[in-house]
Amino acid sequence: MKRLLIVVGIGAGVLWLVGPLHEGLGGLFQRAVKISPERRPAKPAFPPPLADVQLALQQAGFQPGPVDGRMGRRTRSALKAFQSAKELKTTGEVNRETWEALQALSRE
């Protein structure tokens, strides 16, 4: 019984030491992959995360409510107001034209 406890204790100690060591050595074998500017996509991915849309609406002066990534009444209302102000089709949905118009404002 005493031998079993010693073996289990040694095994636990080895696992305790090897776990962080393994994670540290793993970083040595991974190399950072850098994307060259010519390989980057020209346009941001569509559809964007709703939190990004809410943030862009907020920065454009519209009030989407909390930036929580949820399509609520206030976000839909802010989208409609933005679309109307930019003379886009007023759908209250994030379509490609609306997202591009929001992105154009953030570049100004």
N, C-alpha and C. Protein backbone atom coordinates (compact mmCIF):
# COMPACT_ATOMS: atom_id res chain seq x y z
N MET A 1 0.83 -1.20 0.00
CA MET A 1 0.00 0.00 0.00
C MET A 1 0.87 1.25 0.00
N LYS A 2 1.96 1.20 0.78
CA LYS A 2 2.86 2.34 0.86
C LYS A 2 3.54 2.58 -0.49
N ARG A 3 3.90 1.48 -1.17
CA ARG A 3 4.54 1.60 -2.48
C ARG A 3 3.57 2.21 -3.50
N LEU A 4 2.33 1.80 -3.43
CA LEU A 4 1.32 2.33 -4.34
C LEU A 4 1.17 3.83 -4.15
N LEU A 5 1.13 4.30 -2.93
CA LEU A 5 1.02 5.73 -2.67
C LEU A 5 2.24 6.48 -3.18
N ILE A 6 3.41 5.87 -3.04
CA ILE A 6 4.64 6.51 -3.53
C ILE A 6 4.60 6.60 -5.05
N VAL A 7 4.20 5.53 -5.72
CA VAL A 7 4.12 5.52 -7.18
C VAL A 7 3.10 6.54 -7.68
N VAL A 8 1.95 6.60 -7.03
CA VAL A 8 0.91 7.57 -7.41
C VAL A 8 1.41 8.99 -7.18
N GLY A 9 2.09 9.21 -6.08
CA GLY A 9 2.64 10.53 -5.79
C GLY A 9 3.68 10.95 -6.80
N ILE A 10 4.56 10.04 -7.17
CA ILE A 10 5.58 10.35 -8.18
C ILE A 10 4.92 10.63 -9.53
N GLY A 11 3.92 9.81 -9.88
CA GLY A 11 3.21 10.02 -11.14
C GLY A 11 2.52 11.37 -11.19
N ALA A 12 1.90 11.74 -10.09
CA ALA A 12 1.23 13.04 -10.04
C ALA A 12 2.25 14.17 -10.16
N GLY A 13 3.38 14.00 -9.50
CA GLY A 13 4.44 15.02 -9.59
C GLY A 13 4.96 15.17 -11.01
N VAL A 14 5.17 14.05 -11.68
CA VAL A 14 5.66 14.08 -13.07
C VAL A 14 4.64 14.77 -13.96
N LEU A 15 3.36 14.41 -13.82
CA LEU A 15 2.32 15.05 -14.63
C LEU A 15 2.24 16.54 -14.34
N TRP A 16 2.41 16.91 -13.09
CA TRP A 16 2.36 18.32 -12.71
C TRP A 16 3.49 19.09 -13.37
N LEU A 17 4.68 18.48 -13.47
CA LEU A 17 5.82 19.14 -14.10
C LEU A 17 5.76 19.12 -15.62
N VAL A 18 5.30 18.01 -16.19
CA VAL A 18 5.31 17.85 -17.64
C VAL A 18 4.24 18.69 -18.32
N GLY A 19 3.10 18.89 -17.68
CA GLY A 19 2.01 19.66 -18.29
C GLY A 19 2.47 21.05 -18.74
N PRO A 20 2.96 21.90 -17.84
CA PRO A 20 3.42 23.23 -18.25
C PRO A 20 4.64 23.16 -19.16
N LEU A 21 5.50 22.18 -18.94
CA LEU A 21 6.68 22.04 -19.78
C LEU A 21 6.28 21.74 -21.21
N HIS A 22 5.29 20.85 -21.36
CA HIS A 22 4.80 20.49 -22.69
C HIS A 22 4.22 21.72 -23.40
N GLU A 23 3.44 22.51 -22.68
CA GLU A 23 2.85 23.72 -23.27
C GLU A 23 3.93 24.71 -23.66
N GLY A 24 4.96 24.83 -22.85
CA GLY A 24 6.05 25.74 -23.16
C GLY A 24 6.85 25.30 -24.36
N LEU A 25 7.12 24.01 -24.49
CA LEU A 25 7.87 23.49 -25.63
C LEU A 25 7.05 23.54 -26.90
N GLY A 26 5.73 23.42 -26.75
CA GLY A 26 4.87 23.48 -27.94
C GLY A 26 5.02 24.79 -28.67
N GLY A 27 5.25 25.86 -27.94
CA GLY A 27 5.44 27.17 -28.57
C GLY A 27 6.70 27.24 -29.41
N LEU A 28 7.69 26.41 -29.08
CA LEU A 28 8.93 26.41 -29.85
C LEU A 28 8.73 25.85 -31.25
N PHE A 29 7.77 24.94 -31.38
CA PHE A 29 7.58 24.26 -32.65
C PHE A 29 6.52 24.92 -33.52
N GLN A 30 5.83 25.89 -32.96
CA GLN A 30 4.86 26.62 -33.75
C GLN A 30 5.52 27.86 -34.29
N ARG A 31 5.19 28.19 -35.50
CA ARG A 31 5.75 29.42 -36.05
C ARG A 31 4.61 30.37 -36.39
N ALA A 32 4.90 31.61 -36.25
CA ALA A 32 3.88 32.62 -36.52
C ALA A 32 3.68 32.73 -38.03
N VAL A 33 2.44 32.73 -38.45
CA VAL A 33 2.12 32.87 -39.85
C VAL A 33 1.66 34.30 -40.07
N LYS A 34 2.39 34.99 -40.89
CA LYS A 34 2.03 36.37 -41.19
C LYS A 34 1.42 36.42 -42.58
N ILE A 35 0.35 37.20 -42.68
CA ILE A 35 -0.32 37.36 -43.96
C ILE A 35 0.25 38.61 -44.62
N SER A 36 0.75 38.44 -45.81
CA SER A 36 1.30 39.59 -46.51
C SER A 36 0.15 40.49 -46.95
N PRO A 37 0.43 41.78 -47.13
CA PRO A 37 -0.65 42.72 -47.50
C PRO A 37 -1.37 42.33 -48.78
N GLU A 38 -0.66 41.75 -49.73
CA GLU A 38 -1.32 41.39 -50.98
C GLU A 38 -2.22 40.16 -50.85
N ARG A 39 -2.09 39.39 -49.76
CA ARG A 39 -2.93 38.22 -49.55
C ARG A 39 -4.12 38.51 -48.66
N ARG A 40 -4.20 39.69 -48.08
CA ARG A 40 -5.33 40.04 -47.23
C ARG A 40 -6.56 40.29 -48.08
N PRO A 41 -7.73 39.92 -47.57
CA PRO A 41 -8.94 40.18 -48.34
C PRO A 41 -9.17 41.69 -48.49
N ALA A 42 -9.65 42.08 -49.64
CA ALA A 42 -9.87 43.50 -49.93
C ALA A 42 -11.05 44.06 -49.13
N LYS A 43 -12.08 43.26 -48.95
CA LYS A 43 -13.27 43.71 -48.23
C LYS A 43 -13.42 42.90 -46.96
N PRO A 44 -13.97 43.52 -45.92
CA PRO A 44 -14.23 42.75 -44.71
C PRO A 44 -15.28 41.67 -44.97
N ALA A 45 -15.24 40.63 -44.19
CA ALA A 45 -16.17 39.51 -44.36
C ALA A 45 -17.61 39.97 -44.14
N PHE A 46 -18.51 39.35 -44.85
CA PHE A 46 -19.93 39.67 -44.72
C PHE A 46 -20.67 38.37 -44.48
N PRO A 47 -21.60 38.31 -43.61
CA PRO A 47 -22.12 39.38 -42.76
C PRO A 47 -21.21 39.62 -41.56
N PRO A 48 -21.16 40.87 -41.12
CA PRO A 48 -20.31 41.21 -39.98
C PRO A 48 -20.97 40.78 -38.67
N PRO A 49 -20.19 40.66 -37.60
CA PRO A 49 -20.81 40.42 -36.30
C PRO A 49 -21.72 41.60 -35.94
N LEU A 50 -22.86 41.31 -35.37
CA LEU A 50 -23.84 42.36 -35.07
C LEU A 50 -23.28 43.39 -34.10
N ALA A 51 -22.39 42.98 -33.22
CA ALA A 51 -21.77 43.94 -32.29
C ALA A 51 -20.96 44.98 -33.07
N ASP A 52 -20.32 44.57 -34.17
CA ASP A 52 -19.58 45.53 -35.01
C ASP A 52 -20.54 46.51 -35.67
N VAL A 53 -21.69 46.03 -36.10
CA VAL A 53 -22.70 46.90 -36.71
C VAL A 53 -23.21 47.90 -35.68
N GLN A 54 -23.48 47.41 -34.48
CA GLN A 54 -23.97 48.29 -33.42
C GLN A 54 -22.94 49.36 -33.09
N LEU A 55 -21.69 48.99 -33.02
CA LEU A 55 -20.63 49.95 -32.73
C LEU A 55 -20.51 50.98 -33.85
N ALA A 56 -20.60 50.53 -35.09
CA ALA A 56 -20.53 51.45 -36.23
C ALA A 56 -21.72 52.40 -36.23
N LEU A 57 -22.91 51.90 -35.91
CA LEU A 57 -24.09 52.76 -35.83
C LEU A 57 -23.90 53.81 -34.73
N GLN A 58 -23.37 53.37 -33.61
CA GLN A 58 -23.13 54.28 -32.49
C GLN A 58 -22.14 55.37 -32.89
N GLN A 59 -21.07 54.98 -33.56
CA GLN A 59 -20.06 55.95 -33.99
C GLN A 59 -20.59 56.89 -35.06
N ALA A 60 -21.61 56.44 -35.81
CA ALA A 60 -22.22 57.28 -36.85
C ALA A 60 -23.27 58.23 -36.27
N GLY A 61 -23.53 58.12 -34.96
CA GLY A 61 -24.46 59.03 -34.33
C GLY A 61 -25.87 58.48 -34.15
N PHE A 62 -26.05 57.20 -34.42
CA PHE A 62 -27.34 56.55 -34.24
C PHE A 62 -27.28 55.76 -32.94
N GLN A 63 -28.41 55.55 -32.32
CA GLN A 63 -28.43 54.91 -31.00
C GLN A 63 -29.00 53.50 -31.07
N PRO A 64 -28.12 52.48 -31.22
CA PRO A 64 -28.61 51.09 -31.31
C PRO A 64 -28.88 50.44 -29.97
N GLY A 65 -28.68 51.19 -28.88
CA GLY A 65 -28.80 50.58 -27.56
C GLY A 65 -27.47 49.98 -27.16
N PRO A 66 -27.46 49.05 -26.23
CA PRO A 66 -26.20 48.47 -25.79
C PRO A 66 -25.55 47.64 -26.90
N VAL A 67 -24.23 47.70 -26.97
CA VAL A 67 -23.48 46.91 -27.95
C VAL A 67 -23.35 45.51 -27.38
N ASP A 68 -24.36 44.67 -27.70
CA ASP A 68 -24.41 43.33 -27.12
C ASP A 68 -24.51 42.22 -28.15
N GLY A 69 -24.50 42.58 -29.44
CA GLY A 69 -24.56 41.56 -30.48
C GLY A 69 -25.94 40.97 -30.70
N ARG A 70 -26.97 41.63 -30.17
CA ARG A 70 -28.34 41.13 -30.32
C ARG A 70 -29.17 42.10 -31.16
N MET A 71 -29.99 41.56 -32.02
CA MET A 71 -30.87 42.39 -32.85
C MET A 71 -32.14 42.67 -32.07
N GLY A 72 -32.13 43.79 -31.38
CA GLY A 72 -33.30 44.19 -30.61
C GLY A 72 -34.04 45.31 -31.31
N ARG A 73 -35.05 45.80 -30.64
CA ARG A 73 -35.89 46.87 -31.18
C ARG A 73 -35.08 48.13 -31.47
N ARG A 74 -34.19 48.50 -30.54
CA ARG A 74 -33.41 49.73 -30.71
C ARG A 74 -32.38 49.60 -31.83
N THR A 75 -31.77 48.43 -31.96
CA THR A 75 -30.81 48.23 -33.05
C THR A 75 -31.51 48.29 -34.39
N ARG A 76 -32.66 47.63 -34.49
CA ARG A 76 -33.41 47.65 -35.75
C ARG A 76 -33.86 49.07 -36.10
N SER A 77 -34.28 49.82 -35.10
CA SER A 77 -34.70 51.21 -35.32
C SER A 77 -33.53 52.07 -35.77
N ALA A 78 -32.36 51.88 -35.16
CA ALA A 78 -31.17 52.63 -35.56
C ALA A 78 -30.76 52.27 -36.98
N LEU A 79 -30.86 51.00 -37.34
CA LEU A 79 -30.55 50.58 -38.71
C LEU A 79 -31.49 51.24 -39.71
N LYS A 80 -32.78 51.25 -39.40
CA LYS A 80 -33.74 51.88 -40.30
C LYS A 80 -33.47 53.37 -40.44
N ALA A 81 -33.15 54.03 -39.33
CA ALA A 81 -32.86 55.47 -39.39
C ALA A 81 -31.61 55.73 -40.22
N PHE A 82 -30.59 54.91 -40.05
CA PHE A 82 -29.36 55.06 -40.83
C PHE A 82 -29.64 54.83 -42.31
N GLN A 83 -30.37 53.76 -42.61
CA GLN A 83 -30.68 53.46 -44.01
C GLN A 83 -31.49 54.59 -44.64
N SER A 84 -32.42 55.13 -43.91
CA SER A 84 -33.23 56.24 -44.42
C SER A 84 -32.36 57.47 -44.66
N ALA A 85 -31.47 57.77 -43.72
CA ALA A 85 -30.61 58.95 -43.85
C ALA A 85 -29.65 58.81 -45.04
N LYS A 86 -29.24 57.60 -45.35
CA LYS A 86 -28.31 57.36 -46.47
C LYS A 86 -29.04 57.01 -47.76
N GLU A 87 -30.38 57.13 -47.74
CA GLU A 87 -31.23 56.84 -48.90
C GLU A 87 -31.02 55.42 -49.42
N LEU A 88 -30.91 54.49 -48.46
CA LEU A 88 -30.83 53.07 -48.79
C LEU A 88 -32.20 52.46 -48.58
N LYS A 89 -32.38 51.24 -49.07
CA LYS A 89 -33.64 50.54 -48.85
C LYS A 89 -33.80 50.31 -47.35
N THR A 90 -34.90 50.83 -46.80
CA THR A 90 -35.13 50.79 -45.36
C THR A 90 -35.73 49.44 -44.95
N THR A 91 -34.84 48.52 -44.58
CA THR A 91 -35.28 47.17 -44.22
C THR A 91 -35.11 46.88 -42.73
N GLY A 92 -34.21 47.59 -42.08
CA GLY A 92 -33.90 47.28 -40.69
C GLY A 92 -33.03 46.05 -40.55
N GLU A 93 -32.53 45.54 -41.66
CA GLU A 93 -31.63 44.39 -41.68
C GLU A 93 -30.26 44.85 -42.17
N VAL A 94 -29.24 44.11 -41.78
CA VAL A 94 -27.88 44.43 -42.22
C VAL A 94 -27.65 43.76 -43.57
N ASN A 95 -27.79 44.54 -44.63
CA ASN A 95 -27.47 44.01 -45.94
C ASN A 95 -26.10 44.57 -46.36
N ARG A 96 -25.60 44.11 -47.47
CA ARG A 96 -24.25 44.49 -47.89
C ARG A 96 -24.13 46.01 -48.10
N GLU A 97 -25.14 46.63 -48.69
CA GLU A 97 -25.08 48.08 -48.95
C GLU A 97 -25.03 48.86 -47.64
N THR A 98 -25.81 48.44 -46.67
CA THR A 98 -25.83 49.13 -45.37
C THR A 98 -24.47 48.99 -44.69
N TRP A 99 -23.92 47.79 -44.70
CA TRP A 99 -22.63 47.57 -44.05
C TRP A 99 -21.53 48.36 -44.74
N GLU A 100 -21.53 48.40 -46.07
CA GLU A 100 -20.52 49.17 -46.79
C GLU A 100 -20.65 50.67 -46.49
N ALA A 101 -21.89 51.16 -46.37
CA ALA A 101 -22.10 52.58 -46.03
C ALA A 101 -21.59 52.87 -44.62
N LEU A 102 -21.82 51.96 -43.69
CA LEU A 102 -21.31 52.14 -42.33
C LEU A 102 -19.78 52.11 -42.31
N GLN A 103 -19.19 51.22 -43.10
CA GLN A 103 -17.74 51.14 -43.17
C GLN A 103 -17.14 52.39 -43.80
N ALA A 104 -17.82 52.95 -44.80
CA ALA A 104 -17.34 54.17 -45.45
C ALA A 104 -17.30 55.33 -44.44
N LEU A 105 -18.29 55.39 -43.55
CA LEU A 105 -18.30 56.44 -42.53
C LEU A 105 -17.14 56.27 -41.55
N SER A 106 -16.81 55.05 -41.23
CA SER A 106 -15.73 54.82 -40.26
C SER A 106 -14.36 55.12 -40.85
N ARG A 107 -14.26 55.13 -42.18
CA ARG A 107 -12.98 55.45 -42.84
C ARG A 107 -12.78 56.96 -42.99
N GLU A 108 -13.85 57.72 -42.83
CA GLU A 108 -13.75 59.18 -43.01
C GLU A 108 -13.05 59.84 -41.85
